[in-house]
C-alpha atoms as a PDB file:
ATOM      1  CA  UNK A   1     125.130  95.670  92.294  1.00  0.00           C
ATOM      2  CA  UNK A   2     122.638  93.849  94.235  1.00  0.00           C
ATOM      3  CA  UNK A   3     119.107  95.199  94.974  1.00  0.00           C
ATOM      4  CA  UNK A   4     117.979  96.303  98.518  1.00  0.00           C
ATOM      5  CA  UNK A   5     116.218  93.326 100.257  1.00  0.00           C
ATOM      6  CA  UNK A   6     112.515  94.048 100.950  1.00  0.00           C
ATOM      7  CA  UNK A   7     111.767  94.295 104.519  1.00  0.00           C
ATOM      8  CA  UNK A   8     109.907  91.616 105.926  1.00  0.00           C
ATOM      9  CA  UNK A   9     106.976  91.552 108.627  1.00  0.00           C
ATOM     10  CA  UNK A  10     108.218  91.007 112.427  1.00  0.00           C
ATOM     11  CA  UNK A  11     106.817  88.653 114.710  1.00  0.00           C
ATOM     12  CA  UNK A  12     104.922  89.964 117.941  1.00  0.00           C
ATOM     13  CA  UNK A  13     107.889  88.166 119.801  1.00  0.00           C
ATOM     14  CA  UNK A  14     109.650  90.949 118.572  1.00  0.00           C
ATOM     15  CA  UNK A  15     108.116  93.327 120.506  1.00  0.00           C
ATOM     16  CA  UNK A  16     108.172  93.325 124.547  1.00  0.00           C
ATOM     17  CA  UNK A  17     105.112  95.499 125.223  1.00  0.00           C
ATOM     18  CA  UNK A  18     101.585  95.953 123.317  1.00  0.00           C
ATOM     19  CA  UNK A  19      99.123  98.747 123.231  1.00  0.00           C
ATOM     20  CA  UNK A  20      95.258  97.894 121.732  1.00  0.00           C
ATOM     21  CA  UNK A  21      94.334 100.810 119.146  1.00  0.00           C
ATOM     22  CA  UNK A  22      90.468 100.332 117.659  1.00  0.00           C
ATOM     23  CA  UNK A  23      89.886 101.554 114.470  1.00  0.00           C
ATOM     24  CA  UNK A  24      87.425 104.191 113.599  1.00  0.00           C
ATOM     25  CA  UNK A  25      85.422 104.477 110.267  1.00  0.00           C
ATOM     26  CA  UNK A  26      86.989 107.422 109.231  1.00  0.00           C
ATOM     27  CA  UNK A  27      90.404 105.437 109.320  1.00  0.00           C
ATOM     28  CA  UNK A  28      89.355 103.949 106.153  1.00  0.00           C
ATOM     29  CA  UNK A  29      90.128 105.521 102.836  1.00  0.00           C
ATOM     30  CA  UNK A  30      88.116 105.148  99.162  1.00  0.00           C
ATOM     31  CA  UNK A  31      90.060 101.559  98.856  1.00  0.00           C
ATOM     32  CA  UNK A  32      88.096 100.212 101.863  1.00  0.00           C
ATOM     33  CA  UNK A  33      91.606  99.903 103.980  1.00  0.00           C
ATOM     34  CA  UNK A  34      93.416 101.981 106.373  1.00  0.00           C
ATOM     35  CA  UNK A  35      94.929 105.149 104.907  1.00  0.00           C
ATOM     36  CA  UNK A  36      98.855 105.225 105.281  1.00  0.00           C
ATOM     37  CA  UNK A  37      98.896 108.529 107.158  1.00  0.00           C
ATOM     38  CA  UNK A  38      96.819 106.738 110.080  1.00  0.00           C
ATOM     39  CA  UNK A  39      99.484 104.242 110.501  1.00  0.00           C
ATOM     40  CA  UNK A  40     102.073 107.153 111.768  1.00  0.00           C
ATOM     41  CA  UNK A  41      99.270 108.448 114.226  1.00  0.00           C
ATOM     42  CA  UNK A  42      99.089 104.873 115.844  1.00  0.00           C
ATOM     43  CA  UNK A  43     102.893 104.929 116.136  1.00  0.00           C
ATOM     44  CA  UNK A  44     102.746 108.370 118.160  1.00  0.00           C
ATOM     45  CA  UNK A  45      99.491 107.014 120.073  1.00  0.00           C
ATOM     46  CA  UNK A  46     101.010 103.801 120.920  1.00  0.00           C
ATOM     47  CA  UNK A  47     104.438 105.104 122.256  1.00  0.00           C
ATOM     48  CA  UNK A  48     103.183 108.401 123.835  1.00  0.00           C
ATOM     49  CA  UNK A  49     100.304 106.775 125.369  1.00  0.00           C
ATOM     50  CA  UNK A  50     103.050 104.433 127.071  1.00  0.00           C
ATOM     51  CA  UNK A  51     105.343 106.901 128.210  1.00  0.00           C
ATOM     52  CA  UNK A  52     102.600 109.217 129.665  1.00  0.00           C
ATOM     53  CA  UNK A  53     100.974 106.002 131.603  1.00  0.00           C
ATOM     54  CA  UNK A  54     104.340 105.262 133.004  1.00  0.00           C
ATOM     55  CA  UNK A  55     105.143 108.674 134.305  1.00  0.00           C
ATOM     56  CA  UNK A  56     107.712 109.659 131.681  1.00  0.00           C
ATOM     57  CA  UNK A  57     106.341 111.825 129.988  1.00  0.00           C
ATOM     58  CA  UNK A  58     104.200 115.040 131.043  1.00  0.00           C
ATOM     59  CA  UNK A  59     102.819 116.787 127.636  1.00  0.00           C
ATOM     60  CA  UNK A  60     101.390 119.567 129.456  1.00  0.00           C
ATOM     61  CA  UNK A  61     104.120 120.585 131.704  1.00  0.00           C
ATOM     62  CA  UNK A  62     107.102 118.840 131.357  1.00  0.00           C
ATOM     63  CA  UNK A  63     110.363 120.574 130.730  1.00  0.00           C
ATOM     64  CA  UNK A  64     111.396 118.142 128.136  1.00  0.00           C
ATOM     65  CA  UNK A  65     109.470 117.112 125.197  1.00  0.00           C
ATOM     66  CA  UNK A  66     110.618 114.751 122.138  1.00  0.00           C
ATOM     67  CA  UNK A  67     110.500 116.055 118.519  1.00  0.00           C
ATOM     68  CA  UNK A  68     110.479 113.711 115.535  1.00  0.00           C
ATOM     69  CA  UNK A  69     113.284 114.091 113.489  1.00  0.00           C
ATOM     70  CA  UNK A  70     112.850 110.940 111.276  1.00  0.00           C
ATOM     71  CA  UNK A  71     109.697 108.431 110.556  1.00  0.00           C
ATOM     72  CA  UNK A  72     109.370 105.252 108.134  1.00  0.00           C
ATOM     73  CA  UNK A  73     106.745 103.038 107.730  1.00  0.00           C
ATOM     74  CA  UNK A  74     106.719  99.360 105.696  1.00  0.00           C
ATOM     75  CA  UNK A  75     103.283  97.839 104.972  1.00  0.00           C
ATOM     76  CA  UNK A  76     102.796  94.515 104.388  1.00  0.00           C
ATOM     77  CA  UNK A  77      98.971  93.696 104.951  1.00  0.00           C
ATOM     78  CA  UNK A  78      96.214  95.686 105.238  1.00  0.00           C
ATOM     79  CA  UNK A  79      94.069  96.742 108.108  1.00  0.00           C
ATOM     80  CA  UNK A  80      90.684  98.090 108.381  1.00  0.00           C
ATOM     81  CA  UNK A  81      87.543  99.193 109.839  1.00  0.00           C
ATOM     82  CA  UNK A  82      86.343  97.548 112.219  1.00  0.00           C
ATOM     83  CA  UNK A  83      89.384  95.951 113.736  1.00  0.00           C
ATOM     84  CA  UNK A  84      91.555  96.118 116.414  1.00  0.00           C
ATOM     85  CA  UNK A  85      95.254  96.824 115.542  1.00  0.00           C
ATOM     86  CA  UNK A  86      97.606  95.538 118.402  1.00  0.00           C
ATOM     87  CA  UNK A  87     100.824  98.180 118.747  1.00  0.00           C
ATOM     88  CA  UNK A  88     103.864  96.496 119.596  1.00  0.00           C
ATOM     89  CA  UNK A  89     106.532  99.046 120.793  1.00  0.00           C
ATOM     90  CA  UNK A  90     110.290  98.461 121.255  1.00  0.00           C
ATOM     91  CA  UNK A  91     113.133 100.879 121.232  1.00  0.00           C
ATOM     92  CA  UNK A  92     116.054 100.258 119.048  1.00  0.00           C
ATOM     93  CA  UNK A  93     118.602 102.716 120.320  1.00  0.00           C
ATOM     94  CA  UNK A  94     118.877 105.242 123.098  1.00  0.00           C
ATOM     95  CA  UNK A  95     121.447 107.979 122.789  1.00  0.00           C
ATOM     96  CA  UNK A  96     122.382 110.777 124.667  1.00  0.00           C
ATOM     97  CA  UNK A  97     119.545 113.137 123.518  1.00  0.00           C
ATOM     98  CA  UNK A  98     117.430 110.645 121.299  1.00  0.00           C
ATOM     99  CA  UNK A  99     115.435 107.667 121.221  1.00  0.00           C
ATOM    100  CA  UNK A 100     114.516 105.377 118.226  1.00  0.00           C
ATOM    101  CA  UNK A 101     111.321 103.654 118.751  1.00  0.00           C
ATOM    102  CA  UNK A 102     110.052 100.884 116.524  1.00  0.00           C
ATOM    103  CA  UNK A 103     106.319 100.173 116.397  1.00  0.00           C
ATOM    104  CA  UNK A 104     104.795  96.629 114.906  1.00  0.00           C
ATOM    105  CA  UNK A 105     101.135  96.881 114.056  1.00  0.00           C
ATOM    106  CA  UNK A 106      99.373  93.596 114.297  1.00  0.00           C
ATOM    107  CA  UNK A 107      95.903  92.374 113.217  1.00  0.00           C
ATOM    108  CA  UNK A 108      94.518  91.321 116.479  1.00  0.00           C
ATOM    109  CA  UNK A 109      94.769  87.290 115.848  1.00  0.00           C
ATOM    110  CA  UNK A 110      97.937  87.835 113.377  1.00  0.00           C
ATOM    111  CA  UNK A 111     101.244  86.673 114.314  1.00  0.00           C
ATOM    112  CA  UNK A 112     103.290  88.635 111.795  1.00  0.00           C
ATOM    113  CA  UNK A 113     103.131  92.518 111.652  1.00  0.00           C
ATOM    114  CA  UNK A 114     100.737  94.279 108.818  1.00  0.00           C
ATOM    115  CA  UNK A 115     103.045  97.169 109.163  1.00  0.00           C
ATOM    116  CA  UNK A 116     106.447  97.984 111.109  1.00  0.00           C
ATOM    117  CA  UNK A 117     108.080 101.290 111.321  1.00  0.00           C
ATOM    118  CA  UNK A 118     109.677 103.593 113.530  1.00  0.00           C
ATOM    119  CA  UNK A 119     110.398 107.121 114.604  1.00  0.00           C
ATOM    120  CA  UNK A 120     113.252 108.976 116.031  1.00  0.00           C
ATOM    121  CA  UNK A 121     112.701 111.438 119.008  1.00  0.00           C
ATOM    122  CA  UNK A 122     115.262 113.965 119.672  1.00  0.00           C
ATOM    123  CA  UNK A 123     114.225 115.294 123.409  1.00  0.00           C
ATOM    124  CA  UNK A 124     114.716 119.028 123.904  1.00  0.00           C
ATOM    125  CA  UNK A 125     113.898 121.482 126.307  1.00  0.00           C
ATOM    126  CA  UNK A 126     110.318 123.022 126.013  1.00  0.00           C
ATOM    127  CA  UNK A 127     111.237 126.654 126.004  1.00  0.00           C
ATOM    128  CA  UNK A 128     114.856 126.723 123.971  1.00  0.00           C
ATOM    129  CA  UNK A 129     113.938 123.652 121.816  1.00  0.00           C
ATOM    130  CA  UNK A 130     117.664 122.957 122.121  1.00  0.00           C
ATOM    131  CA  UNK A 131     118.713 119.358 122.707  1.00  0.00           C
ATOM    132  CA  UNK A 132     119.088 118.199 126.204  1.00  0.00           C
ATOM    133  CA  UNK A 133     119.917 114.314 127.720  1.00  0.00           C
ATOM    134  CA  UNK A 134     116.933 111.858 127.735  1.00  0.00           C
ATOM    135  CA  UNK A 135     115.727 112.353 131.191  1.00  0.00           C
ATOM    136  CA  UNK A 136     116.477 109.727 134.014  1.00  0.00           C
ATOM    137  CA  UNK A 137     113.030 109.144 134.312  1.00  0.00           C
ATOM    138  CA  UNK A 138     112.399 108.637 130.613  1.00  0.00           C
ATOM    139  CA  UNK A 139     115.621 106.052 130.466  1.00  0.00           C
ATOM    140  CA  UNK A 140     114.155 103.911 133.455  1.00  0.00           C
ATOM    141  CA  UNK A 141     110.982 103.287 131.348  1.00  0.00           C
ATOM    142  CA  UNK A 142     112.323 102.731 128.087  1.00  0.00           C
ATOM    143  CA  UNK A 143     115.122 100.228 129.166  1.00  0.00           C
ATOM    144  CA  UNK A 144     112.989  97.412 129.424  1.00  0.00           C
ATOM    145  CA  UNK A 145     111.688  98.195 125.931  1.00  0.00           C
ATOM    146  CA  UNK A 146     115.273  98.175 124.658  1.00  0.00           C
ATOM    147  CA  UNK A 147     116.426  95.321 121.639  1.00  0.00           C
END
């Protein structure tokens, strides 16, 4: 039986759009690098800020919201405060009611990701929490990110 291959860091060219995230003092842990839980926060921040800025997500009054049903991250190199992080965003799959977002986190001057991961949003009605089709406005914003 063959052992699973270890994931490899993705290059910047694998991502069509980037957001800059500035690390904070509190992001570092006692080992002197950004704590692993912060990476997941950066995934949410990068994707949701992109969607809000492009008018595809109204977190306060929109009738549709995305709920995370799956998440994963691989770490390749440390990141630490003070440092700017470039978050590359892409869409690996867009289904009827779900989207798999992939995010690569890069040190500002590096060509390969320090970490890469994904999360899956299932889009649901804000009130009933039942799945709904991905809204057309969201689909239009995400189409350029599909790989």
